[in-house]
Amino acid sequence: MSLTLLAYGLVVTFMTLIMTRRLSPLVALILVPIVFGLLGGFATELGGYMVDGVTKLAPTGVMLMFAILYFAIMLDAGLFEPFVRRLVALVHGDPVRVAMGSAALALLVSLDGDGSTTYMITTAAMLPLYRALGMRPAVLACVTMLASGVMNTLPWGGPTARAASALAIPVDTVFVPLVPAIVAGMLCVFTVAWRLGARERDRLAQVAATHGAPPPDVRVEAGLGIDEDTSHRRPQRLLPNLLLTVLLLAALLAGVVPLPVLFMTAFAIALMLNYPSIDEQKALLARHAGNVLAVVGLIFAAGVFTGILSGSKMVDAIAESVVRMVPDAMGPYLAVVTGVLSVPFTFFISNDAFYFGVLPVLAKAGQAYGITAAEMARASLVGQPVHLLSPLVPSTYLLVGLVGVDFDAHQRYTLRWSLLAVLVLLVVALLTGVVPFMRG
């Protein structure tokens, strides 16, 4: 019981501190678990827990560092500028079309099942356009994450495979019946994109009326463009940069080499290709060092958090306590309960801990009421749009780092829309009968 209370105290304290901005996520991820680890009597083991957690996330940190630097080079060099100018001409400076286009691109790229890939490709293509039109990057981060969260339910995305393997059932029996709910989730993403785009259009119109600024598309066509500082542009390297980026993305999707090695190599080639002199390279690293340090620092801090939470068995204690708290009267509704629990559980603990630690216990309890393992697995997937907002998801730090927004600000801006997507997935799953409302 004491370990369970300690675990809940850690989670509640951590989220309170970062949501109220009392501590930055970087500091909270390190200090809060250390304090609670000491309170729990794990003083002698804390060092090992922390090293284990950091070691597990080290490849991710390396990958994100060099991925950010690579796309920073391409943005500075102007690789995406021709695409952005053409897209500006197509959207006619309409933020609604831009937001809808962001949703479509993110949903399309999410088909590969990797959130990092989705964030890198979508932000690299769309962020210059947002800057050109004066749109807030928070909109791009929100729409992109919503799309990735809905598509994270694909069989090769991770959670579906975890749920199926944990319950020893075929993946297709979990995924195929969920397709109507996933389609509804995609429509929800477009609806949110339309709503946020409309808000941006109204805001920009007010700004223009107040300050007398010309419409954003006029500014771009007039030559002021994406970034008035053109000293970093390398238009003569457009084709080599494009070829290198295409090869990089192809290798990424094919999985020919580990991602950290892939991005380290691509970064080195891109740096030599566009900024061959030592002074130019130092200047580029100096420009983007703050962004890289913020993202990579959070990754390793998250390693401390997850290492202590897992090594001390606090995660296991939380899982066991939640299962015990479900009253017998809720037994016939366990599928719905599982769907609701998937939201906080996949936010506060890892997908592995939820799907391999909590779901099998819930599924076993559901069998007594005639709820099949496949139905419980489907219900457990609806919380994925909120899961990606968790400070324990490494790819989230990549997204906020690429678009340049604070992690906690992104959480506050996106949470309600993520909850809406969860609600849509769950309601449609209930209406189509693939997740039962009541059994027994």
Protein backbone atom coordinates (compact mmCIF):
# COMPACT_ATOMS: atom_id res chain seq x y z
CA MET A 1 0.00 0.00 0.00
CA SER A 2 2.80 2.43 0.84
CA LEU A 3 4.43 1.89 -2.55
CA THR A 4 1.09 2.50 -4.28
CA LEU A 5 0.53 5.77 -2.41
CA LEU A 6 4.09 6.79 -3.17
CA ALA A 7 3.56 6.12 -6.87
CA TYR A 8 0.33 8.12 -7.01
CA GLY A 9 1.96 10.91 -5.05
CA LEU A 10 4.81 11.03 -7.56
CA VAL A 11 2.49 11.20 -10.56
CA VAL A 12 0.13 13.79 -9.04
CA THR A 13 2.99 15.98 -7.80
CA PHE A 14 4.78 15.81 -11.13
CA MET A 15 1.73 16.73 -13.22
CA THR A 16 0.67 19.48 -10.80
CA LEU A 17 4.08 21.09 -10.90
CA ILE A 18 4.38 21.17 -14.68
CA MET A 19 0.76 22.05 -15.42
CA THR A 20 0.86 24.97 -12.98
CA ARG A 21 4.28 26.00 -14.30
CA ARG A 22 5.85 25.77 -10.85
CA LEU A 23 8.67 23.72 -12.39
CA SER A 24 9.78 23.25 -15.96
CA PRO A 25 9.30 19.71 -17.37
CA LEU A 26 13.08 19.31 -17.51
CA VAL A 27 13.53 19.97 -13.80
CA ALA A 28 10.39 18.10 -12.73
CA LEU A 29 11.31 14.97 -14.68
CA ILE A 30 14.59 14.76 -12.75
CA LEU A 31 13.89 16.04 -9.25
CA VAL A 32 10.37 14.74 -8.54
CA PRO A 33 11.16 11.02 -9.04
CA ILE A 34 14.42 11.41 -7.11
CA VAL A 35 12.60 12.94 -4.13
CA PHE A 36 9.93 10.23 -4.13
CA GLY A 37 12.55 7.55 -4.63
CA LEU A 38 14.34 8.77 -1.53
CA LEU A 39 11.05 8.87 0.39
CA GLY A 40 10.43 5.28 -0.67
CA GLY A 41 13.73 4.07 0.71
CA PHE A 42 15.43 3.46 -2.64
CA ALA A 43 18.41 5.71 -1.98
CA THR A 44 21.03 3.06 -2.74
CA GLU A 45 19.28 1.86 -5.91
CA LEU A 46 18.38 5.23 -7.42
CA GLY A 47 21.62 5.62 -9.33
CA GLY A 48 21.18 2.29 -11.09
CA TYR A 49 17.53 2.99 -11.91
CA MET A 50 18.43 6.35 -13.41
CA VAL A 51 21.29 5.00 -15.49
CA ASP A 52 19.10 2.18 -16.81
CA GLY A 53 16.40 4.64 -17.84
CA VAL A 54 18.82 7.04 -19.50
CA THR A 55 20.59 4.16 -21.28
CA LYS A 56 17.33 2.92 -22.79
CA LEU A 57 16.51 6.38 -24.16
CA ALA A 58 20.03 7.26 -25.29
CA PRO A 59 19.53 6.08 -28.92
CA THR A 60 16.33 8.12 -29.10
CA GLY A 61 18.11 11.19 -27.79
CA VAL A 62 20.89 10.82 -30.37
CA MET A 63 18.38 10.33 -33.16
CA LEU A 64 16.34 13.38 -32.21
CA MET A 65 19.42 15.59 -31.85
CA PHE A 66 20.73 14.87 -35.33
CA ALA A 67 17.24 14.80 -36.87
CA ILE A 68 16.57 18.33 -35.61
CA LEU A 69 19.95 19.51 -36.86
CA TYR A 70 19.42 17.90 -40.26
CA PHE A 71 16.07 19.55 -40.87
CA ALA A 72 17.43 22.81 -39.47
CA ILE A 73 20.05 22.71 -42.23
CA MET A 74 17.41 22.05 -44.86
CA LEU A 75 15.19 24.86 -43.59
CA ASP A 76 18.11 27.30 -43.45
CA ALA A 77 19.27 26.26 -46.91
CA GLY A 78 15.78 26.86 -48.33
CA LEU A 79 14.96 23.34 -49.50
CA PHE A 80 11.26 23.76 -48.76
CA GLU A 81 10.93 27.35 -49.93
CA PRO A 82 9.82 26.56 -53.53
CA PHE A 83 7.25 24.11 -52.20
CA VAL A 84 5.98 26.64 -49.68
CA ARG A 85 5.66 29.40 -52.28
CA ARG A 86 3.69 27.12 -54.57
CA LEU A 87 1.50 26.02 -51.69
CA VAL A 88 0.94 29.64 -50.67
CA ALA A 89 -0.30 30.34 -54.16
CA LEU A 90 -2.72 27.41 -53.92
CA VAL A 91 -4.14 28.28 -50.52
CA HIS A 92 -4.32 32.02 -51.28
CA GLY A 93 -3.24 32.84 -47.76
CA ASP A 94 -6.20 30.99 -46.23
CA PRO A 95 -5.24 29.52 -42.83
CA VAL A 96 -8.17 27.10 -43.00
CA ARG A 97 -6.77 25.45 -46.11
CA VAL A 98 -3.32 25.38 -44.56
CA ALA A 99 -4.55 23.66 -41.40
CA MET A 100 -6.59 21.17 -43.42
CA GLY A 101 -3.58 20.46 -45.60
CA SER A 102 -1.48 19.87 -42.49
CA ALA A 103 -4.02 17.33 -41.27
CA ALA A 104 -4.08 15.53 -44.62
CA LEU A 105 -0.29 15.36 -44.82
CA ALA A 106 0.07 14.16 -41.23
CA LEU A 107 -2.56 11.45 -41.71
CA LEU A 108 -0.88 10.30 -44.90
CA VAL A 109 2.63 10.18 -43.44
CA SER A 110 1.29 8.46 -40.30
CA LEU A 111 0.58 5.39 -42.39
CA ASP A 112 4.16 4.30 -41.71
CA GLY A 113 3.24 3.98 -38.02
CA ASP A 114 6.15 6.03 -36.67
CA GLY A 115 5.36 9.26 -34.86
CA SER A 116 8.85 10.71 -35.24
CA THR A 117 8.70 10.32 -39.01
CA THR A 118 5.29 11.98 -39.13
CA TYR A 119 6.47 14.94 -37.09
CA MET A 120 9.67 15.46 -39.05
CA ILE A 121 8.09 15.28 -42.49
CA THR A 122 4.96 17.28 -41.66
CA THR A 123 6.73 20.08 -39.81
CA ALA A 124 9.52 20.29 -42.37
CA ALA A 125 6.96 20.74 -45.14
CA MET A 126 4.40 22.93 -43.36
CA LEU A 127 6.24 25.00 -40.73
CA PRO A 128 7.75 27.45 -43.25
CA LEU A 129 4.25 28.05 -44.60
CA TYR A 130 2.89 28.74 -41.11
CA ARG A 131 5.69 31.23 -40.57
CA ALA A 132 5.06 32.86 -43.92
CA LEU A 133 1.36 33.33 -43.19
CA GLY A 134 1.86 34.36 -39.56
CA MET A 135 -0.03 31.34 -38.20
CA ARG A 136 0.76 30.09 -34.72
CA PRO A 137 2.97 26.97 -34.72
CA ALA A 138 0.84 25.56 -31.89
CA VAL A 139 -1.86 24.85 -34.48
CA LEU A 140 0.53 22.76 -36.55
CA ALA A 141 1.70 20.84 -33.47
CA CYS A 142 -1.88 20.16 -32.39
CA VAL A 143 -3.16 18.98 -35.76
CA THR A 144 -0.10 16.85 -36.43
CA MET A 145 -0.26 15.14 -33.04
CA LEU A 146 -3.99 14.46 -33.36
CA ALA A 147 -3.42 12.78 -36.70
CA SER A 148 -0.57 10.72 -35.31
CA GLY A 149 -2.62 9.74 -32.27
CA VAL A 150 -5.52 8.43 -34.33
CA MET A 151 -3.23 6.59 -36.74
CA ASN A 152 -1.24 5.13 -33.84
CA THR A 153 -3.94 2.45 -33.72
CA LEU A 154 -2.66 0.90 -36.96
CA PRO A 155 -1.43 -2.69 -36.53
CA TRP A 156 2.17 -1.70 -37.18
CA GLY A 157 1.98 1.41 -35.01
CA GLY A 158 2.80 -0.37 -31.76
CA PRO A 159 -0.17 -0.24 -29.34
CA THR A 160 -2.35 -2.59 -31.40
CA ALA A 161 0.43 -5.12 -31.69
CA ARG A 162 1.11 -4.84 -27.96
CA ALA A 163 -2.54 -5.37 -27.07
CA ALA A 164 -2.87 -8.36 -29.38
CA SER A 165 0.32 -10.02 -28.20
CA ALA A 166 -0.46 -9.39 -24.53
CA LEU A 167 -3.80 -11.15 -24.92
CA ALA A 168 -2.50 -13.79 -27.39
CA ILE A 169 -4.99 -12.97 -30.14
CA PRO A 170 -4.49 -12.20 -33.86
CA VAL A 171 -3.86 -8.53 -34.65
CA ASP A 172 -6.45 -8.45 -37.43
CA THR A 173 -9.23 -9.44 -35.03
CA VAL A 174 -8.42 -6.33 -33.03
CA PHE A 175 -7.82 -3.85 -35.83
CA VAL A 176 -10.23 -4.62 -38.67
CA PRO A 177 -13.45 -4.07 -36.68
CA LEU A 178 -12.01 -0.77 -35.45
CA VAL A 179 -11.68 0.69 -38.96
CA PRO A 180 -15.00 2.64 -38.84
CA ALA A 181 -13.97 4.22 -35.54
CA ILE A 182 -10.55 5.11 -36.95
CA VAL A 183 -12.20 6.70 -40.01
CA ALA A 184 -14.39 8.71 -37.66
CA GLY A 185 -11.25 9.74 -35.79
CA MET A 186 -9.71 10.94 -39.05
CA LEU A 187 -12.81 13.03 -39.74
CA CYS A 188 -12.45 14.44 -36.24
CA VAL A 189 -8.88 15.50 -37.07
CA PHE A 190 -10.08 17.35 -40.18
CA THR A 191 -12.87 18.98 -38.18
CA VAL A 192 -10.44 20.21 -35.54
CA ALA A 193 -8.07 21.44 -38.27
CA TRP A 194 -10.92 23.37 -39.89
CA ARG A 195 -11.91 24.88 -36.54
CA LEU A 196 -8.37 25.93 -35.61
CA GLY A 197 -7.74 27.24 -39.12
CA ALA A 198 -10.88 29.37 -38.93
CA ARG A 199 -9.72 30.81 -35.62
CA GLU A 200 -6.35 31.67 -37.12
CA ARG A 201 -8.03 33.32 -40.10
CA ASP A 202 -10.09 35.53 -37.80
CA ARG A 203 -7.06 36.35 -35.64
CA LEU A 204 -4.91 37.30 -38.61
CA ALA A 205 -7.70 39.42 -40.03
CA GLN A 206 -7.89 41.33 -36.75
CA VAL A 207 -4.12 41.79 -36.71
CA ALA A 208 -4.20 43.11 -40.27
CA ALA A 209 -7.05 45.48 -39.46
CA THR A 210 -5.27 46.76 -36.37
CA HIS A 211 -1.79 47.20 -37.80
CA GLY A 212 -2.63 47.74 -41.45
CA ALA A 213 -0.45 44.82 -42.55
CA PRO A 214 -1.02 43.32 -45.99
CA PRO A 215 -2.42 39.79 -46.23
CA PRO A 216 0.25 37.13 -45.55
CA ASP A 217 0.19 35.78 -49.14
CA VAL A 218 0.87 39.29 -50.46
CA ARG A 219 3.95 39.55 -48.23
CA VAL A 220 5.27 36.26 -49.53
CA GLU A 221 4.64 37.07 -53.18
CA ALA A 222 6.27 40.45 -52.66
CA GLY A 223 9.52 38.66 -51.90
CA LEU A 224 9.75 39.02 -48.13
CA GLY A 225 9.16 35.30 -48.00
CA ILE A 226 9.57 32.78 -45.26
CA ASP A 227 12.53 34.42 -43.61
CA GLU A 228 13.79 37.88 -44.39
CA ASP A 229 17.33 36.76 -43.54
CA THR A 230 18.41 34.99 -46.73
CA SER A 231 22.13 34.77 -45.93
CA HIS A 232 21.75 31.09 -45.05
CA ARG A 233 19.96 30.18 -48.28
CA ARG A 234 21.66 27.77 -50.66
CA PRO A 235 19.43 27.78 -53.77
CA GLN A 236 22.23 26.31 -55.87
CA ARG A 237 22.11 23.22 -53.62
CA LEU A 238 18.37 22.64 -54.08
CA LEU A 239 18.60 19.47 -56.16
CA PRO A 240 21.37 17.81 -54.08
CA ASN A 241 19.46 18.64 -50.88
CA LEU A 242 16.26 17.27 -52.33
CA LEU A 243 17.96 14.05 -53.41
CA LEU A 244 19.61 13.64 -50.02
CA THR A 245 16.31 14.17 -48.21
CA VAL A 246 14.45 11.72 -50.44
CA LEU A 247 17.14 9.10 -49.87
CA LEU A 248 17.02 9.78 -46.13
CA LEU A 249 13.25 9.34 -45.94
CA ALA A 250 13.37 6.22 -48.11
CA ALA A 251 16.03 4.69 -45.86
CA LEU A 252 14.02 5.73 -42.82
CA LEU A 253 10.86 4.04 -44.05
CA ALA A 254 12.76 0.95 -45.21
CA GLY A 255 14.56 0.63 -41.89
CA VAL A 256 17.85 -0.25 -43.55
CA VAL A 257 19.97 1.08 -40.66
CA PRO A 258 19.23 2.22 -37.09
CA LEU A 259 17.74 5.70 -37.00
CA PRO A 260 20.50 7.29 -34.89
CA VAL A 261 23.15 6.16 -37.38
CA LEU A 262 20.99 7.24 -40.32
CA PHE A 263 20.48 10.79 -39.07
CA MET A 264 24.06 11.22 -37.90
CA THR A 265 25.27 10.29 -41.38
CA ALA A 266 22.70 12.45 -43.18
CA PHE A 267 23.51 15.41 -40.93
CA ALA A 268 27.23 15.17 -41.62
CA ILE A 269 26.67 15.00 -45.40
CA ALA A 270 24.17 17.89 -45.35
CA LEU A 271 26.47 20.04 -43.25
CA MET A 272 29.44 19.55 -45.59
CA LEU A 273 27.25 20.03 -48.67
CA ASN A 274 25.68 23.32 -47.60
CA TYR A 275 28.14 24.88 -45.15
CA PRO A 276 31.61 23.49 -45.89
CA SER A 277 33.65 26.02 -43.93
CA ILE A 278 34.32 25.56 -40.22
CA ASP A 279 33.02 29.04 -39.41
CA GLU A 280 29.73 28.39 -41.21
CA GLN A 281 29.30 25.11 -39.38
CA LYS A 282 29.96 26.75 -36.02
CA ALA A 283 27.43 29.46 -36.81
CA LEU A 284 24.76 26.90 -37.75
CA LEU A 285 25.31 24.87 -34.58
CA ALA A 286 25.18 28.04 -32.50
CA ARG A 287 21.87 29.08 -34.10
CA HIS A 288 20.17 25.80 -33.30
CA ALA A 289 21.98 24.72 -30.14
CA GLY A 290 19.23 26.00 -27.85
CA ASN A 291 16.53 24.04 -29.62
CA VAL A 292 18.58 20.86 -29.69
CA LEU A 293 19.61 21.14 -26.05
CA ALA A 294 16.01 21.67 -24.92
CA VAL A 295 14.76 18.57 -26.73
CA VAL A 296 17.64 16.21 -25.92
CA GLY A 297 17.76 17.37 -22.31
CA LEU A 298 14.10 16.46 -21.89
CA ILE A 299 14.70 13.05 -23.41
CA PHE A 300 17.39 12.14 -20.90
CA ALA A 301 15.36 13.67 -18.06
CA ALA A 302 12.45 11.44 -19.10
CA GLY A 303 14.88 8.52 -18.86
CA VAL A 304 15.46 9.38 -15.19
CA PHE A 305 11.70 9.50 -14.59
CA THR A 306 10.87 6.21 -16.30
CA GLY A 307 13.94 4.49 -14.87
CA ILE A 308 12.96 5.25 -11.27
CA LEU A 309 9.27 4.57 -11.87
CA SER A 310 10.00 1.16 -13.41
CA GLY A 311 12.97 0.10 -11.31
CA SER A 312 11.20 0.83 -8.03
CA LYS A 313 8.11 -1.11 -9.22
CA MET A 314 5.89 1.95 -8.74
CA VAL A 315 4.39 1.28 -12.17
CA ASP A 316 3.39 -2.22 -11.11
CA ALA A 317 1.86 -0.87 -7.91
CA ILE A 318 -0.28 1.62 -9.84
CA ALA A 319 -1.49 -1.10 -12.21
CA GLU A 320 -2.48 -3.45 -9.43
CA SER A 321 -4.27 -0.73 -7.49
CA VAL A 322 -6.41 0.38 -10.42
CA VAL A 323 -7.54 -3.17 -11.12
CA ARG A 324 -8.49 -3.59 -7.45
CA MET A 325 -10.43 -0.31 -7.47
CA VAL A 326 -12.84 -1.43 -10.19
CA PRO A 327 -16.00 -2.42 -8.25
CA ASP A 328 -17.85 -5.64 -9.01
CA ALA A 329 -20.88 -3.63 -10.13
CA MET A 330 -18.81 -2.25 -13.00
CA GLY A 331 -18.00 -5.75 -14.24
CA PRO A 332 -20.54 -5.76 -17.09
CA TYR A 333 -19.16 -2.40 -18.24
CA LEU A 334 -15.49 -3.40 -18.13
CA ALA A 335 -14.98 -2.73 -21.84
CA VAL A 336 -16.05 0.89 -21.43
CA VAL A 337 -14.09 1.13 -18.18
CA THR A 338 -11.00 -0.11 -20.02
CA GLY A 339 -11.47 2.51 -22.73
CA VAL A 340 -11.76 5.27 -20.14
CA LEU A 341 -8.80 3.98 -18.12
CA SER A 342 -6.64 3.87 -21.25
CA VAL A 343 -6.58 7.68 -21.24
CA PRO A 344 -4.89 8.33 -17.88
CA PHE A 345 -2.95 5.07 -17.89
CA THR A 346 -1.24 5.54 -21.23
CA PHE A 347 -0.55 9.14 -20.23
CA PHE A 348 1.05 8.50 -16.85
CA ILE A 349 2.80 5.22 -17.62
CA SER A 350 4.27 3.71 -20.76
CA ASN A 351 2.34 1.75 -23.36
CA ASP A 352 4.32 -1.35 -22.43
CA ALA A 353 3.32 -1.06 -18.77
CA PHE A 354 -0.35 -0.61 -19.64
CA TYR A 355 -0.74 -3.23 -22.35
CA PHE A 356 1.42 -5.91 -20.75
CA GLY A 357 0.71 -5.12 -17.10
CA VAL A 358 -2.83 -3.78 -16.79
CA LEU A 359 -4.76 -4.96 -19.85
CA PRO A 360 -4.30 -8.73 -19.27
CA VAL A 361 -5.72 -8.40 -15.75
CA LEU A 362 -8.71 -6.37 -16.96
CA ALA A 363 -9.29 -8.79 -19.84
CA LYS A 364 -9.29 -11.76 -17.50
CA ALA A 365 -11.87 -10.04 -15.31
CA GLY A 366 -13.96 -9.20 -18.36
CA GLN A 367 -14.16 -12.83 -19.45
CA ALA A 368 -16.39 -13.57 -16.45
CA TYR A 369 -18.99 -11.25 -17.98
CA GLY A 370 -18.70 -12.54 -21.54
CA ILE A 371 -16.45 -9.74 -22.82
CA THR A 372 -13.96 -11.21 -25.28
CA ALA A 373 -10.26 -10.46 -25.27
CA ALA A 374 -10.53 -8.81 -28.70
CA GLU A 375 -13.22 -6.44 -27.45
CA MET A 376 -11.10 -5.46 -24.45
CA ALA A 377 -8.09 -4.93 -26.71
CA ARG A 378 -10.08 -2.59 -28.99
CA ALA A 379 -11.32 -0.60 -26.01
CA SER A 380 -7.77 -0.22 -24.72
CA LEU A 381 -6.67 1.56 -27.90
CA VAL A 382 -8.98 4.57 -27.77
CA GLY A 383 -6.72 6.54 -25.42
CA GLN A 384 -3.86 6.88 -27.92
CA PRO A 385 -4.60 10.51 -28.96
CA VAL A 386 -4.01 11.57 -25.34
CA HIS A 387 -1.10 9.15 -24.85
CA LEU A 388 1.05 11.17 -27.23
CA LEU A 389 0.74 14.21 -24.96
CA SER A 390 2.50 12.32 -22.19
CA PRO A 391 5.86 13.70 -21.06
CA LEU A 392 7.09 10.10 -21.26
CA VAL A 393 6.74 9.93 -25.07
CA PRO A 394 10.08 10.88 -26.67
CA SER A 395 8.66 11.83 -30.06
CA THR A 396 6.55 14.55 -28.43
CA TYR A 397 9.71 16.43 -27.52
CA LEU A 398 10.77 16.22 -31.15
CA LEU A 399 7.50 17.79 -32.29
CA VAL A 400 7.54 20.71 -29.86
CA GLY A 401 11.22 21.24 -30.57
CA LEU A 402 10.68 21.37 -34.32
CA VAL A 403 7.76 23.82 -34.18
CA GLY A 404 9.27 25.88 -31.36
CA VAL A 405 6.56 25.74 -28.69
CA ASP A 406 6.85 24.99 -24.98
CA PHE A 407 5.93 21.46 -23.97
CA ASP A 408 3.45 22.52 -21.28
CA ALA A 409 1.87 25.10 -23.59
CA HIS A 410 1.41 22.38 -26.21
CA GLN A 411 -0.24 20.13 -23.62
CA ARG A 412 -2.71 22.81 -22.56
CA TYR A 413 -3.51 23.78 -26.15
CA THR A 414 -3.98 20.24 -27.46
CA LEU A 415 -5.47 18.30 -24.53
CA ARG A 416 -9.13 19.13 -25.11
CA TRP A 417 -8.89 18.28 -28.79
CA SER A 418 -7.17 15.00 -27.95
CA LEU A 419 -9.95 14.18 -25.48
CA LEU A 420 -12.46 14.93 -28.23
CA ALA A 421 -10.71 12.46 -30.54
CA VAL A 422 -10.76 9.83 -27.77
CA LEU A 423 -14.49 10.41 -27.28
CA VAL A 424 -15.15 10.04 -31.01
CA LEU A 425 -13.19 6.78 -31.19
CA LEU A 426 -14.96 5.32 -28.16
CA VAL A 427 -18.48 6.41 -29.15
CA VAL A 428 -18.18 5.08 -32.70
CA ALA A 429 -16.69 1.83 -31.41
CA LEU A 430 -19.69 1.48 -29.09
CA LEU A 431 -22.21 2.38 -31.81
CA THR A 432 -20.72 -0.13 -34.24
CA GLY A 433 -20.71 -2.82 -31.54
CA VAL A 434 -17.00 -3.63 -31.73
CA VAL A 435 -16.72 -2.52 -28.10
CA PRO A 436 -19.72 -3.60 -25.99
CA PHE A 437 -21.33 -1.12 -23.65
CA MET A 438 -22.54 -3.87 -21.30
CA ARG A 439 -22.31 -7.65 -21.07
CA GLY A 440 -23.30 -10.29 -18.59
